[in-house]
Amino acid sequence: VNLGPIVNSPSIDTAPSISSDGLEFYFASNRSGGYGAGDLYVSTRATTDSDWGIPMNLGPTINGSSADYWPFIASDGHTLFFASDSFGPWSPGGLGSSDIWLTTKQTSERNPEDYWGTPINLGPIINSPSEDCAPVLSLDGTTLYWDSKRPGGLGSADIWQAAIIPIVDLNADGIVDSVDMCIMVD
């Protein structure tokens, strides 16, 4: 079933990712009014039986002047992976023509321009000098899968995987931060 004119636009709307609670729908679009050639958006709803709301741009913390695409919201609902040309080799930490980045929610507020932290490049184990995109985290959070045009593959683009090393969240708030460090020091 087509999601209709509230979510869809006359432009390209692609790469859907839905939160595990079914209340947030992330996607990429080159619709007008964005920050670059392609931006990330989210549409929300109050319940899983409700209609999707008007998509909101995730803002300039995530969306740069070039193309940002392939959002994937992890099952924790706080971690967003995405691919970006905007944060390419001309940007600190950029390794290739397209890299995979992650950002985390800083608050539970529903204003997407305010609640995402500064994106972090996943580094040279994941990103290559070629195009790396389409990140997907396994449901249990132990494996990251992505598409890459890096050398050593069988085709022009191959699917890759990397194990995720677990980090202990000592206060069980879903965020590994300085609070966890203080618990460990105490």
C-alpha atoms as a PDB file:
ATOM      1  CA  VAL A   1       0.000   0.000   0.000  1.00  0.00           C
ATOM      2  CA  ASN A   2       1.404   3.355  -1.031  1.00  0.00           C
ATOM      3  CA  LEU A   3       1.910   5.608   2.010  1.00  0.00           C
ATOM      4  CA  GLY A   4       0.277   8.461   0.115  1.00  0.00           C
ATOM      5  CA  PRO A   5       0.942  12.182  -0.297  1.00  0.00           C
ATOM      6  CA  ILE A   6       1.683  12.960   3.363  1.00  0.00           C
ATOM      7  CA  VAL A   7       4.852  10.829   3.350  1.00  0.00           C
ATOM      8  CA  ASN A   8       5.578  10.681  -0.384  1.00  0.00           C
ATOM      9  CA  SER A   9       6.486  13.661  -2.543  1.00  0.00           C
ATOM     10  CA  PRO A  10       6.909  14.218  -6.304  1.00  0.00           C
ATOM     11  CA  SER A  11      10.672  13.796  -5.666  1.00  0.00           C
ATOM     12  CA  ILE A  12      12.614  10.622  -4.914  1.00  0.00           C
ATOM     13  CA  ASP A  13      11.640   9.137  -1.530  1.00  0.00           C
ATOM     14  CA  THR A  14      13.657   6.013  -0.742  1.00  0.00           C
ATOM     15  CA  ALA A  15      15.469   3.747   1.751  1.00  0.00           C
ATOM     16  CA  PRO A  16      12.772   3.287   4.444  1.00  0.00           C
ATOM     17  CA  SER A  17      13.642   2.213   7.984  1.00  0.00           C
ATOM     18  CA  ILE A  18      11.068   1.857  10.739  1.00  0.00           C
ATOM     19  CA  SER A  19      11.715   1.929  14.485  1.00  0.00           C
ATOM     20  CA  SER A  20      11.142  -1.269  16.465  1.00  0.00           C
ATOM     21  CA  ASP A  21       8.101   0.276  18.204  1.00  0.00           C
ATOM     22  CA  GLY A  22       6.587   1.137  14.801  1.00  0.00           C
ATOM     23  CA  LEU A  23       6.190   4.839  15.635  1.00  0.00           C
ATOM     24  CA  GLU A  24       9.054   6.396  13.648  1.00  0.00           C
ATOM     25  CA  PHE A  25       9.585   6.010   9.901  1.00  0.00           C
ATOM     26  CA  TYR A  26      12.963   7.215   8.552  1.00  0.00           C
ATOM     27  CA  PHE A  27      13.759   7.688   4.877  1.00  0.00           C
ATOM     28  CA  ALA A  28      15.876   9.661   2.413  1.00  0.00           C
ATOM     29  CA  SER A  29      14.509  12.196  -0.046  1.00  0.00           C
ATOM     30  CA  ASN A  30      15.706  14.797  -2.497  1.00  0.00           C
ATOM     31  CA  ARG A  31      12.530  16.860  -2.003  1.00  0.00           C
ATOM     32  CA  SER A  32      12.816  20.637  -2.028  1.00  0.00           C
ATOM     33  CA  GLY A  33      13.582  22.545   1.138  1.00  0.00           C
ATOM     34  CA  GLY A  34      16.437  20.303   2.267  1.00  0.00           C
ATOM     35  CA  TYR A  35      20.050  21.079   3.110  1.00  0.00           C
ATOM     36  CA  GLY A  36      21.654  19.185   0.219  1.00  0.00           C
ATOM     37  CA  ALA A  37      21.157  16.890  -2.769  1.00  0.00           C
ATOM     38  CA  GLY A  38      19.455  14.362  -0.504  1.00  0.00           C
ATOM     39  CA  ASP A  39      18.396  14.563   3.144  1.00  0.00           C
ATOM     40  CA  LEU A  40      17.138  12.280   5.892  1.00  0.00           C
ATOM     41  CA  TYR A  41      13.572  12.653   7.185  1.00  0.00           C
ATOM     42  CA  VAL A  42      11.352  11.084   9.834  1.00  0.00           C
ATOM     43  CA  SER A  43       7.595  10.702   9.946  1.00  0.00           C
ATOM     44  CA  THR A  44       6.010   9.801  13.281  1.00  0.00           C
ATOM     45  CA  ARG A  45       2.675   8.535  14.529  1.00  0.00           C
ATOM     46  CA  ALA A  46       1.052   8.217  17.950  1.00  0.00           C
ATOM     47  CA  THR A  47       0.137   4.524  17.692  1.00  0.00           C
ATOM     48  CA  THR A  48       0.735   1.747  15.198  1.00  0.00           C
ATOM     49  CA  ASP A  49      -2.883   2.164  14.076  1.00  0.00           C
ATOM     50  CA  SER A  50      -2.478   5.917  13.426  1.00  0.00           C
ATOM     51  CA  ASP A  51      -1.614   7.542  10.108  1.00  0.00           C
ATOM     52  CA  TRP A  52       1.921   8.781   9.503  1.00  0.00           C
ATOM     53  CA  GLY A  53       2.505  12.471  10.174  1.00  0.00           C
ATOM     54  CA  ILE A  54       4.150  15.083   7.974  1.00  0.00           C
ATOM     55  CA  PRO A  55       7.835  14.161   7.481  1.00  0.00           C
ATOM     56  CA  MET A  56      10.348  16.338   9.320  1.00  0.00           C
ATOM     57  CA  ASN A  57      13.887  16.962   8.079  1.00  0.00           C
ATOM     58  CA  LEU A  58      16.475  15.671  10.568  1.00  0.00           C
ATOM     59  CA  GLY A  59      18.284  19.014  10.335  1.00  0.00           C
ATOM     60  CA  PRO A  60      21.773  20.330   9.616  1.00  0.00           C
ATOM     61  CA  THR A  61      23.513  18.257  12.306  1.00  0.00           C
ATOM     62  CA  ILE A  62      22.980  15.217  10.074  1.00  0.00           C
ATOM     63  CA  ASN A  63      22.127  16.592   6.634  1.00  0.00           C
ATOM     64  CA  GLY A  64      24.992  18.262   4.811  1.00  0.00           C
ATOM     65  CA  SER A  65      25.309  20.086   1.514  1.00  0.00           C
ATOM     66  CA  SER A  66      25.666  16.948  -0.617  1.00  0.00           C
ATOM     67  CA  ALA A  67      23.747  13.653  -0.329  1.00  0.00           C
ATOM     68  CA  ASP A  68      22.730  11.900   2.887  1.00  0.00           C
ATOM     69  CA  TYR A  69      20.880   8.627   2.473  1.00  0.00           C
ATOM     70  CA  TRP A  70      20.278   5.020   3.624  1.00  0.00           C
ATOM     71  CA  PRO A  71      19.075   5.700   7.179  1.00  0.00           C
ATOM     72  CA  PHE A  72      18.764   2.726   9.495  1.00  0.00           C
ATOM     73  CA  ILE A  73      17.307   3.112  12.985  1.00  0.00           C
ATOM     74  CA  ALA A  74      18.638   0.418  15.328  1.00  0.00           C
ATOM     75  CA  SER A  75      16.310  -1.660  17.492  1.00  0.00           C
ATOM     76  CA  ASP A  76      17.319   0.432  20.537  1.00  0.00           C
ATOM     77  CA  GLY A  77      15.493   3.375  18.913  1.00  0.00           C
ATOM     78  CA  HIS A  78      18.390   5.696  19.813  1.00  0.00           C
ATOM     79  CA  THR A  79      21.083   4.840  17.262  1.00  0.00           C
ATOM     80  CA  LEU A  80      20.776   5.976  13.651  1.00  0.00           C
ATOM     81  CA  PHE A  81      23.195   4.711  11.006  1.00  0.00           C
ATOM     82  CA  PHE A  82      23.325   6.453   7.637  1.00  0.00           C
ATOM     83  CA  ALA A  83      25.474   6.962   4.560  1.00  0.00           C
ATOM     84  CA  SER A  84      26.670  10.375   3.508  1.00  0.00           C
ATOM     85  CA  ASP A  85      28.512  12.044   0.671  1.00  0.00           C
ATOM     86  CA  SER A  86      28.330  15.298   2.647  1.00  0.00           C
ATOM     87  CA  PHE A  87      30.817  14.082   5.209  1.00  0.00           C
ATOM     88  CA  GLY A  88      33.200  12.800   2.506  1.00  0.00           C
ATOM     89  CA  PRO A  89      36.998  13.029   2.303  1.00  0.00           C
ATOM     90  CA  TRP A  90      36.876  16.841   2.576  1.00  0.00           C
ATOM     91  CA  SER A  91      35.335  16.535   6.029  1.00  0.00           C
ATOM     92  CA  PRO A  92      37.185  15.450   9.190  1.00  0.00           C
ATOM     93  CA  GLY A  93      37.018  11.673   9.391  1.00  0.00           C
ATOM     94  CA  GLY A  94      35.709  11.107   5.855  1.00  0.00           C
ATOM     95  CA  LEU A  95      37.430   8.213   4.071  1.00  0.00           C
ATOM     96  CA  GLY A  96      35.751   7.799   0.690  1.00  0.00           C
ATOM     97  CA  SER A  97      33.171   8.915  -1.818  1.00  0.00           C
ATOM     98  CA  SER A  98      30.479   7.816   0.652  1.00  0.00           C
ATOM     99  CA  ASP A  99      30.947   6.776   4.267  1.00  0.00           C
ATOM    100  CA  ILE A 100      28.768   5.197   6.933  1.00  0.00           C
ATOM    101  CA  TRP A 101      28.155   7.309  10.021  1.00  0.00           C
ATOM    102  CA  LEU A 102      26.149   6.971  13.212  1.00  0.00           C
ATOM    103  CA  THR A 103      24.462   9.389  15.532  1.00  0.00           C
ATOM    104  CA  THR A 104      22.500   8.925  18.733  1.00  0.00           C
ATOM    105  CA  LYS A 105      19.462  10.652  20.188  1.00  0.00           C
ATOM    106  CA  GLN A 106      20.380  13.152  22.862  1.00  0.00           C
ATOM    107  CA  THR A 107      16.843  13.545  24.236  1.00  0.00           C
ATOM    108  CA  SER A 108      13.420  11.973  23.889  1.00  0.00           C
ATOM    109  CA  GLU A 109      11.873  15.150  22.454  1.00  0.00           C
ATOM    110  CA  ARG A 110      10.188  14.702  19.079  1.00  0.00           C
ATOM    111  CA  ASN A 111      11.949  17.598  17.323  1.00  0.00           C
ATOM    112  CA  PRO A 112      14.415  15.807  15.023  1.00  0.00           C
ATOM    113  CA  GLU A 113      16.509  18.933  14.418  1.00  0.00           C
ATOM    114  CA  ASP A 114      17.357  19.138  18.124  1.00  0.00           C
ATOM    115  CA  TYR A 115      17.763  15.606  19.331  1.00  0.00           C
ATOM    116  CA  TRP A 116      20.533  14.061  17.236  1.00  0.00           C
ATOM    117  CA  GLY A 117      24.173  14.224  18.327  1.00  0.00           C
ATOM    118  CA  THR A 118      27.132  14.994  16.078  1.00  0.00           C
ATOM    119  CA  PRO A 119      27.607  12.114  13.601  1.00  0.00           C
ATOM    120  CA  ILE A 120      30.580   9.796  14.131  1.00  0.00           C
ATOM    121  CA  ASN A 121      32.388   8.177  11.207  1.00  0.00           C
ATOM    122  CA  LEU A 122      32.615   4.396  11.636  1.00  0.00           C
ATOM    123  CA  GLY A 123      36.269   4.477  10.592  1.00  0.00           C
ATOM    124  CA  PRO A 124      38.519   2.517   8.227  1.00  0.00           C
ATOM    125  CA  ILE A 125      37.360  -0.985   9.216  1.00  0.00           C
ATOM    126  CA  ILE A 126      33.877  -0.196   7.881  1.00  0.00           C
ATOM    127  CA  ASN A 127      34.559   2.666   5.456  1.00  0.00           C
ATOM    128  CA  SER A 128      36.907   2.449   2.491  1.00  0.00           C
ATOM    129  CA  PRO A 129      38.137   4.879  -0.186  1.00  0.00           C
ATOM    130  CA  SER A 130      35.179   3.617  -2.265  1.00  0.00           C
ATOM    131  CA  GLU A 131      31.446   3.994  -1.739  1.00  0.00           C
ATOM    132  CA  ASP A 132      30.138   2.437   1.498  1.00  0.00           C
ATOM    133  CA  CYS A 133      26.390   2.627   2.145  1.00  0.00           C
ATOM    134  CA  ALA A 134      23.163   0.840   3.137  1.00  0.00           C
ATOM    135  CA  PRO A 135      24.038   0.029   6.776  1.00  0.00           C
ATOM    136  CA  VAL A 136      21.839  -2.468   8.630  1.00  0.00           C
ATOM    137  CA  LEU A 137      22.432  -3.604  12.201  1.00  0.00           C
ATOM    138  CA  SER A 138      21.320  -7.087  13.220  1.00  0.00           C
ATOM    139  CA  LEU A 139      18.365  -7.178  15.611  1.00  0.00           C
ATOM    140  CA  ASP A 140      20.599  -8.335  18.470  1.00  0.00           C
ATOM    141  CA  GLY A 141      23.123  -5.555  17.735  1.00  0.00           C
ATOM    142  CA  THR A 142      26.054  -7.922  17.207  1.00  0.00           C
ATOM    143  CA  THR A 143      26.663  -7.532  13.464  1.00  0.00           C
ATOM    144  CA  LEU A 144      26.703  -4.603  11.053  1.00  0.00           C
ATOM    145  CA  TYR A 145      25.971  -5.324   7.382  1.00  0.00           C
ATOM    146  CA  TRP A 146      26.575  -2.830   4.556  1.00  0.00           C
ATOM    147  CA  ASP A 147      27.121  -2.435   0.841  1.00  0.00           C
ATOM    148  CA  SER A 148      30.580  -1.487  -0.419  1.00  0.00           C
ATOM    149  CA  LYS A 149      32.378  -0.978  -3.708  1.00  0.00           C
ATOM    150  CA  ARG A 150      35.752  -1.572  -1.999  1.00  0.00           C
ATOM    151  CA  PRO A 151      38.403  -3.631  -3.774  1.00  0.00           C
ATOM    152  CA  GLY A 152      38.453  -7.356  -3.048  1.00  0.00           C
ATOM    153  CA  GLY A 153      34.796  -8.035  -3.715  1.00  0.00           C
ATOM    154  CA  LEU A 154      33.257 -10.329  -6.293  1.00  0.00           C
ATOM    155  CA  GLY A 155      31.180  -7.727  -8.109  1.00  0.00           C
ATOM    156  CA  SER A 156      30.972  -3.975  -8.601  1.00  0.00           C
ATOM    157  CA  ALA A 157      29.367  -3.787  -5.141  1.00  0.00           C
ATOM    158  CA  ASP A 158      29.255  -6.462  -2.457  1.00  0.00           C
ATOM    159  CA  ILE A 159      27.623  -6.986   0.928  1.00  0.00           C
ATOM    160  CA  TRP A 160      30.028  -6.934   3.864  1.00  0.00           C
ATOM    161  CA  GLN A 161      29.678  -7.631   7.591  1.00  0.00           C
ATOM    162  CA  ALA A 162      31.562  -6.769  10.767  1.00  0.00           C
ATOM    163  CA  ALA A 163      31.110  -7.979  14.327  1.00  0.00           C
ATOM    164  CA  ILE A 164      30.156  -5.383  16.922  1.00  0.00           C
ATOM    165  CA  ILE A 165      32.183  -5.514  20.119  1.00  0.00           C
ATOM    166  CA  PRO A 166      29.792  -5.150  23.067  1.00  0.00           C
ATOM    167  CA  ILE A 167      30.185  -2.283  25.535  1.00  0.00           C
ATOM    168  CA  VAL A 168      28.731  -2.502  29.026  1.00  0.00           C
ATOM    169  CA  ASP A 169      25.964  -0.049  29.897  1.00  0.00           C
ATOM    170  CA  LEU A 170      26.405  -0.138  33.667  1.00  0.00           C
ATOM    171  CA  ASN A 171      23.288   1.852  34.620  1.00  0.00           C
ATOM    172  CA  ALA A 172      21.090   0.168  31.962  1.00  0.00           C
ATOM    173  CA  ASP A 173      19.813   3.457  30.518  1.00  0.00           C
ATOM    174  CA  GLY A 174      20.574   2.405  26.941  1.00  0.00           C
ATOM    175  CA  ILE A 175      23.440   4.904  26.588  1.00  0.00           C
ATOM    176  CA  VAL A 176      27.126   4.290  27.243  1.00  0.00           C
ATOM    177  CA  ASP A 177      28.388   7.629  28.583  1.00  0.00           C
ATOM    178  CA  SER A 178      30.272   9.384  31.371  1.00  0.00           C
ATOM    179  CA  VAL A 179      27.650   8.228  33.918  1.00  0.00           C
ATOM    180  CA  ASP A 180      28.743   4.641  33.221  1.00  0.00           C
ATOM    181  CA  MET A 181      32.377   5.670  33.678  1.00  0.00           C
ATOM    182  CA  CYS A 182      31.563   7.193  37.077  1.00  0.00           C
ATOM    183  CA  ILE A 183      29.847   3.971  38.157  1.00  0.00           C
ATOM    184  CA  MET A 184      32.928   2.025  37.107  1.00  0.00           C
ATOM    185  CA  VAL A 185      35.263   4.401  38.979  1.00  0.00           C
ATOM    186  CA  ASP A 186      33.097   4.244  42.126  1.00  0.00           C
END
